[in-house]
Amino acid sequence: MVGRMIEVPGELAASQEKFNGAAGRAFVAGLPGRAADFLGRWRLRRDGPPMYGVCALVLPVLRDDGTPAVLKLQLLDEESAGEPLALRAWDGDGAVRLLECDAPSGTLLLERLDASRALTRMPDVREAVLVVAGLLARLTSLPAPAGLRRLGDIARAMLERVPGALERVPDPSARALLADAAAAVREVAGEPGDRLLHWDLHYDNVLAAGREPWLAIDPKPLAGDPGFELFPALHNRFDPDTDDIVWRFDAMTGVLGLDRERARAWTLGRVLQNALWDLGDGRPLSPVHLRIGRALRP
């Protein structure tokens, strides 16, 4: 009976297998039982078909008093462990509101937003960029709570990997760009910041809501400099025919009131971070990421 309560989407099972191996398989196998547990524990009723991404299964539910909500079932890791800390700190100001949390499993009960109306559907990309910038200005206005990953640690770990990684980049132009990105990060790494960062605020992670026009979801939070937040809105919905990288960067740094050179350095840090991941996984470097890096190169 419990096993028939939910059907785990094949795409979610495949992504968990690909990215998390045995831990992902165990997570998927346990999802029906976990769903049944929390539906009962928090007195929830199913209210629609499940939704999912790469990392989580999300069930629309109704609370005991009839309030719509969503039950988010995810694999607990260093990124998802910080999500409730960030959501509690924001308390619904610019982000989805946290209603319940089970820290040992990472299971969350969240207010329900309009999943059919993500910011990625906004026809005017520049208007969407300004929405993201406005949300980031609010979200990063808070100091990060204790217990989150820290940008300073991430930057140091990246820089330690650079010498060996560059040896695996055959293209001289790409190798020089990544070396310049590492040099830019070194200049700012001593002052990594202490703001509460979302880290992954792209257009699909902004949903329409009733109490506000748009709210952020699915943070992978850390403590650091807000300049590290800009890359997703540069990379996603990228159109090579418009080539508006610099416009997006200038618009966001203006709305957030950031020092442009520090923001440039931290954005190059995101280009470097993604390149290190690609190299570590044996993938070719992303042409779009390299293009962003070249557009923002000092």
Protein backbone atom coordinates (compact mmCIF):
# COMPACT_ATOMS: atom_id res chain seq x y z
CA MET A 1 0.00 0.00 0.00
CA VAL A 2 2.76 2.44 0.93
CA GLY A 3 4.67 1.58 -2.24
CA ARG A 4 1.63 2.54 -4.35
CA MET A 5 1.22 5.91 -2.65
CA ILE A 6 3.60 7.63 -5.03
CA GLU A 7 5.26 6.64 -8.27
CA VAL A 8 8.81 7.93 -8.51
CA PRO A 9 9.33 9.60 -11.91
CA GLY A 10 11.85 7.80 -14.06
CA GLU A 11 13.75 11.01 -14.81
CA LEU A 12 14.29 11.65 -11.10
CA ALA A 13 15.49 8.09 -10.57
CA ALA A 14 17.88 8.45 -13.52
CA SER A 15 19.31 11.75 -12.29
CA GLN A 16 19.84 10.35 -8.80
CA GLU A 17 21.60 7.34 -10.28
CA LYS A 18 23.80 9.57 -12.43
CA PHE A 19 24.80 12.12 -9.81
CA ASN A 20 24.60 10.23 -6.51
CA GLY A 21 25.10 6.56 -7.32
CA ALA A 22 24.27 4.18 -4.48
CA ALA A 23 23.07 7.03 -2.23
CA GLY A 24 20.72 8.18 -4.99
CA ARG A 25 19.34 4.68 -5.51
CA ALA A 26 18.69 4.35 -1.78
CA PHE A 27 16.99 7.74 -1.73
CA VAL A 28 14.69 6.79 -4.61
CA ALA A 29 13.87 3.41 -3.08
CA GLY A 30 12.91 5.08 0.17
CA LEU A 31 10.74 7.82 -1.32
CA PRO A 32 7.35 6.03 -1.09
CA GLY A 33 7.89 5.23 2.58
CA ARG A 34 9.20 8.69 3.38
CA ALA A 35 6.24 10.32 1.63
CA ALA A 36 3.79 8.17 3.58
CA ASP A 37 5.58 8.98 6.85
CA PHE A 38 5.44 12.75 6.41
CA LEU A 39 1.96 12.84 4.96
CA GLY A 40 0.84 11.19 8.17
CA ARG A 41 3.18 13.01 10.55
CA TRP A 42 2.19 16.48 9.31
CA ARG A 43 -1.46 15.54 8.61
CA LEU A 44 -1.31 16.27 4.89
CA ARG A 45 -3.53 15.22 1.98
CA ARG A 46 -2.29 14.78 -1.57
CA ASP A 47 -3.58 17.49 -3.89
CA GLY A 48 -2.28 16.89 -7.38
CA PRO A 49 0.38 15.08 -9.39
CA PRO A 50 3.97 15.10 -8.16
CA MET A 51 6.56 17.53 -9.48
CA TYR A 52 10.29 16.92 -9.61
CA GLY A 53 13.65 18.27 -10.65
CA VAL A 54 17.12 16.80 -10.61
CA CYS A 55 17.30 16.59 -6.82
CA ALA A 56 13.86 16.45 -5.25
CA LEU A 57 10.33 15.13 -5.44
CA VAL A 58 7.67 17.73 -4.62
CA LEU A 59 4.12 16.72 -3.73
CA PRO A 60 1.28 19.26 -3.76
CA VAL A 61 -0.64 18.80 -0.52
CA LEU A 62 -3.30 20.32 1.69
CA ARG A 63 -2.67 20.89 5.38
CA ASP A 64 -5.19 19.81 7.98
CA ASP A 65 -6.87 23.24 7.82
CA GLY A 66 -7.08 23.16 4.03
CA THR A 67 -4.09 25.44 3.37
CA PRO A 68 -2.27 24.54 0.13
CA ALA A 69 1.39 23.59 0.56
CA VAL A 70 4.06 21.37 -1.02
CA LEU A 71 6.02 18.53 0.56
CA LYS A 72 9.63 18.55 -0.65
CA LEU A 73 11.47 15.23 -0.38
CA GLN A 74 15.19 15.47 -1.15
CA LEU A 75 18.49 13.77 -0.59
CA LEU A 76 20.27 15.45 2.30
CA ASP A 77 23.71 16.76 1.30
CA GLU A 78 25.89 19.79 2.00
CA GLU A 79 23.77 21.97 -0.27
CA SER A 80 20.28 20.93 0.85
CA ALA A 81 21.25 20.89 4.54
CA GLY A 82 21.43 24.69 4.51
CA GLU A 83 18.07 25.26 2.85
CA PRO A 84 15.93 25.47 6.03
CA LEU A 85 18.49 27.78 7.67
CA ALA A 86 18.20 30.22 4.78
CA LEU A 87 14.43 29.98 4.48
CA ARG A 88 14.00 30.63 8.21
CA ALA A 89 16.25 33.67 7.98
CA TRP A 90 14.34 35.11 5.02
CA ASP A 91 10.97 34.26 6.62
CA GLY A 92 9.12 34.68 3.35
CA ASP A 93 10.72 38.01 2.42
CA GLY A 94 11.57 37.43 -1.23
CA ALA A 95 11.53 33.65 -0.87
CA VAL A 96 9.09 30.80 -0.37
CA ARG A 97 8.03 30.42 3.25
CA LEU A 98 9.10 27.38 5.27
CA LEU A 99 6.21 25.80 7.18
CA GLU A 100 7.76 22.64 8.65
CA CYS A 101 11.19 21.01 8.55
CA ASP A 102 12.64 17.65 9.48
CA ALA A 103 16.37 18.33 9.79
CA PRO A 104 17.59 14.69 9.89
CA SER A 105 16.07 13.89 6.48
CA GLY A 106 16.01 17.34 4.88
CA THR A 107 12.26 17.02 4.29
CA LEU A 108 10.47 20.36 4.04
CA LEU A 109 6.89 21.59 4.02
CA LEU A 110 6.69 24.83 2.03
CA GLU A 111 4.02 27.31 1.07
CA ARG A 112 2.61 26.53 -2.35
CA LEU A 113 3.52 28.88 -5.18
CA ASP A 114 2.35 28.77 -8.80
CA ALA A 115 4.65 26.19 -10.37
CA SER A 116 3.04 26.80 -13.78
CA ARG A 117 4.33 30.38 -13.81
CA ALA A 118 8.10 30.39 -13.53
CA LEU A 119 10.05 33.52 -14.41
CA THR A 120 11.58 31.61 -17.32
CA ARG A 121 8.23 32.10 -19.10
CA MET A 122 8.47 35.91 -18.97
CA PRO A 123 8.89 36.91 -22.64
CA ASP A 124 11.14 39.91 -21.97
CA VAL A 125 14.45 38.49 -20.75
CA ARG A 126 15.74 41.87 -19.61
CA GLU A 127 12.66 42.35 -17.47
CA ALA A 128 13.28 38.89 -15.99
CA VAL A 129 16.88 39.86 -15.21
CA LEU A 130 15.63 42.87 -13.24
CA VAL A 131 13.20 40.67 -11.29
CA VAL A 132 16.09 38.38 -10.30
CA ALA A 133 18.21 41.39 -9.38
CA GLY A 134 15.46 42.82 -7.18
CA LEU A 135 15.06 39.51 -5.35
CA LEU A 136 18.81 39.14 -4.89
CA ALA A 137 19.02 42.64 -3.43
CA ARG A 138 16.52 41.58 -0.76
CA LEU A 139 17.86 38.09 -0.13
CA THR A 140 21.49 39.16 0.24
CA SER A 141 20.67 42.04 2.57
CA LEU A 142 20.83 39.66 5.54
CA PRO A 143 23.92 38.30 7.25
CA ALA A 144 24.22 34.55 6.80
CA PRO A 145 23.20 32.46 9.81
CA ALA A 146 25.75 30.18 11.41
CA GLY A 147 26.15 26.70 9.98
CA LEU A 148 26.22 27.47 6.26
CA ARG A 149 28.97 26.74 3.77
CA ARG A 150 31.32 29.69 3.38
CA LEU A 151 32.47 31.23 0.14
CA GLY A 152 35.98 31.69 1.51
CA ASP A 153 36.35 27.93 1.93
CA ILE A 154 34.94 27.28 -1.54
CA ALA A 155 37.31 29.82 -3.10
CA ARG A 156 40.36 28.31 -1.40
CA ALA A 157 39.40 24.82 -2.52
CA MET A 158 38.94 26.01 -6.10
CA LEU A 159 42.28 27.77 -6.21
CA GLU A 160 44.08 24.69 -4.91
CA ARG A 161 42.73 22.71 -7.88
CA VAL A 162 43.63 25.24 -10.56
CA PRO A 163 47.26 24.25 -11.37
CA GLY A 164 46.40 20.62 -12.04
CA ALA A 165 43.17 21.51 -13.84
CA LEU A 166 44.85 23.91 -16.25
CA GLU A 167 47.13 21.11 -17.40
CA ARG A 168 44.03 19.31 -18.71
CA VAL A 169 42.81 22.26 -20.83
CA PRO A 170 44.31 21.83 -24.31
CA ASP A 171 42.97 25.06 -25.81
CA PRO A 172 45.40 27.92 -25.05
CA SER A 173 42.67 30.57 -25.13
CA ALA A 174 40.46 28.71 -22.65
CA ARG A 175 43.47 27.93 -20.45
CA ALA A 176 44.46 31.60 -20.36
CA LEU A 177 40.89 32.64 -19.51
CA LEU A 178 40.70 30.24 -16.57
CA ALA A 179 44.11 31.38 -15.34
CA ASP A 180 42.85 34.98 -15.44
CA ALA A 181 39.67 33.93 -13.59
CA ALA A 182 41.77 32.28 -10.88
CA ALA A 183 43.91 35.45 -10.59
CA ALA A 184 40.76 37.54 -10.19
CA VAL A 185 39.47 35.25 -7.43
CA ARG A 186 42.79 35.45 -5.59
CA GLU A 187 42.43 39.23 -5.44
CA VAL A 188 39.09 39.06 -3.59
CA ALA A 189 39.36 35.73 -1.73
CA GLY A 190 40.70 37.43 1.40
CA GLU A 191 37.36 39.25 1.82
CA PRO A 192 34.77 36.62 0.87
CA GLY A 193 31.81 38.37 2.54
CA ASP A 194 29.20 37.29 5.05
CA ARG A 195 25.84 37.84 3.30
CA LEU A 196 23.21 35.14 2.93
CA LEU A 197 23.49 33.89 -0.65
CA HIS A 198 20.96 31.83 -2.61
CA TRP A 199 23.67 30.63 -5.06
CA ASP A 200 21.28 29.21 -7.68
CA LEU A 201 18.77 31.95 -8.51
CA HIS A 202 18.04 31.26 -12.16
CA TYR A 203 14.68 31.94 -13.80
CA ASP A 204 13.15 28.50 -13.11
CA ASN A 205 13.84 29.05 -9.40
CA VAL A 206 11.56 32.10 -9.33
CA LEU A 207 7.83 31.37 -9.18
CA ALA A 208 4.75 33.55 -9.19
CA ALA A 209 2.90 33.81 -5.90
CA GLY A 210 -0.28 35.22 -4.43
CA ARG A 211 1.25 37.39 -1.71
CA GLU A 212 4.02 38.75 -3.97
CA PRO A 213 4.49 38.80 -7.74
CA TRP A 214 7.61 36.60 -7.59
CA LEU A 215 9.40 34.55 -4.94
CA ALA A 216 12.64 32.57 -4.93
CA ILE A 217 12.71 28.82 -4.32
CA ASP A 218 15.31 26.06 -3.95
CA PRO A 219 18.30 27.88 -2.44
CA LYS A 220 21.67 26.16 -2.15
CA PRO A 221 22.80 28.72 0.43
CA LEU A 222 26.19 29.85 1.57
CA ALA A 223 27.74 32.84 3.32
CA GLY A 224 29.63 35.21 1.06
CA ASP A 225 29.83 38.15 -1.29
CA PRO A 226 26.67 38.96 -3.33
CA GLY A 227 28.85 39.24 -6.44
CA PHE A 228 28.91 35.42 -6.42
CA GLU A 229 25.14 35.43 -7.08
CA LEU A 230 25.03 36.89 -10.60
CA PHE A 231 26.16 33.99 -12.79
CA PRO A 232 22.88 31.99 -13.04
CA ALA A 233 21.01 34.99 -14.45
CA LEU A 234 23.83 35.53 -16.97
CA HIS A 235 23.98 31.92 -18.08
CA ASN A 236 20.32 30.89 -18.17
CA ARG A 237 18.11 32.01 -21.05
CA PHE A 238 21.33 32.87 -22.89
CA ASP A 239 20.80 34.05 -26.47
CA PRO A 240 24.00 34.24 -28.52
CA ASP A 241 22.25 36.49 -31.04
CA THR A 242 21.69 39.26 -28.49
CA ASP A 243 24.97 38.86 -26.59
CA ASP A 244 23.70 40.99 -23.70
CA ILE A 245 26.08 39.59 -21.06
CA VAL A 246 27.47 42.99 -20.13
CA TRP A 247 23.99 44.55 -20.03
CA ARG A 248 22.78 41.86 -17.61
CA PHE A 249 25.89 42.21 -15.46
CA ASP A 250 25.63 46.01 -15.31
CA ALA A 251 21.90 45.90 -14.57
CA MET A 252 22.29 43.47 -11.69
CA THR A 253 25.31 45.16 -10.12
CA GLY A 254 23.40 48.43 -10.34
CA VAL A 255 20.26 47.10 -8.63
CA LEU A 256 22.29 45.35 -5.92
CA GLY A 257 24.62 48.32 -5.46
CA LEU A 258 27.73 46.16 -5.89
CA ASP A 259 31.28 47.20 -6.55
CA ARG A 260 31.59 46.30 -10.21
CA GLU A 261 35.17 45.01 -10.10
CA ARG A 262 34.58 42.78 -7.09
CA ALA A 263 31.40 41.46 -8.69
CA ARG A 264 33.34 40.81 -11.89
CA ALA A 265 35.96 38.82 -9.96
CA TRP A 266 33.39 36.70 -8.17
CA THR A 267 31.47 36.09 -11.40
CA LEU A 268 34.69 34.89 -13.00
CA GLY A 269 34.93 32.66 -9.94
CA ARG A 270 31.66 31.03 -10.98
CA VAL A 271 33.06 30.51 -14.50
CA LEU A 272 36.08 28.87 -12.89
CA GLN A 273 33.92 26.76 -10.56
CA ASN A 274 31.89 25.39 -13.46
CA ALA A 275 35.02 24.69 -15.50
CA LEU A 276 36.53 22.72 -12.62
CA TRP A 277 33.35 20.66 -12.37
CA ASP A 278 33.39 20.00 -16.12
CA LEU A 279 37.03 18.93 -16.03
CA GLY A 280 36.47 16.76 -12.99
CA ASP A 281 33.60 14.97 -14.72
CA GLY A 282 35.45 14.59 -18.01
CA ARG A 283 33.11 16.93 -19.89
CA PRO A 284 34.18 19.56 -22.44
CA LEU A 285 34.19 23.13 -21.15
CA SER A 286 30.90 24.95 -21.76
CA PRO A 287 31.17 27.41 -24.68
CA VAL A 288 28.53 29.63 -23.04
CA HIS A 289 30.45 29.76 -19.75
CA LEU A 290 33.65 30.62 -21.60
CA ARG A 291 31.83 33.32 -23.54
CA ILE A 292 30.57 34.88 -20.32
CA GLY A 293 34.08 34.77 -18.91
CA ARG A 294 35.55 36.46 -21.96
CA ALA A 295 32.89 39.18 -21.90
CA LEU A 296 33.70 40.01 -18.27
CA ARG A 297 37.44 39.49 -18.41
CA PRO A 298 39.34 42.57 -17.14
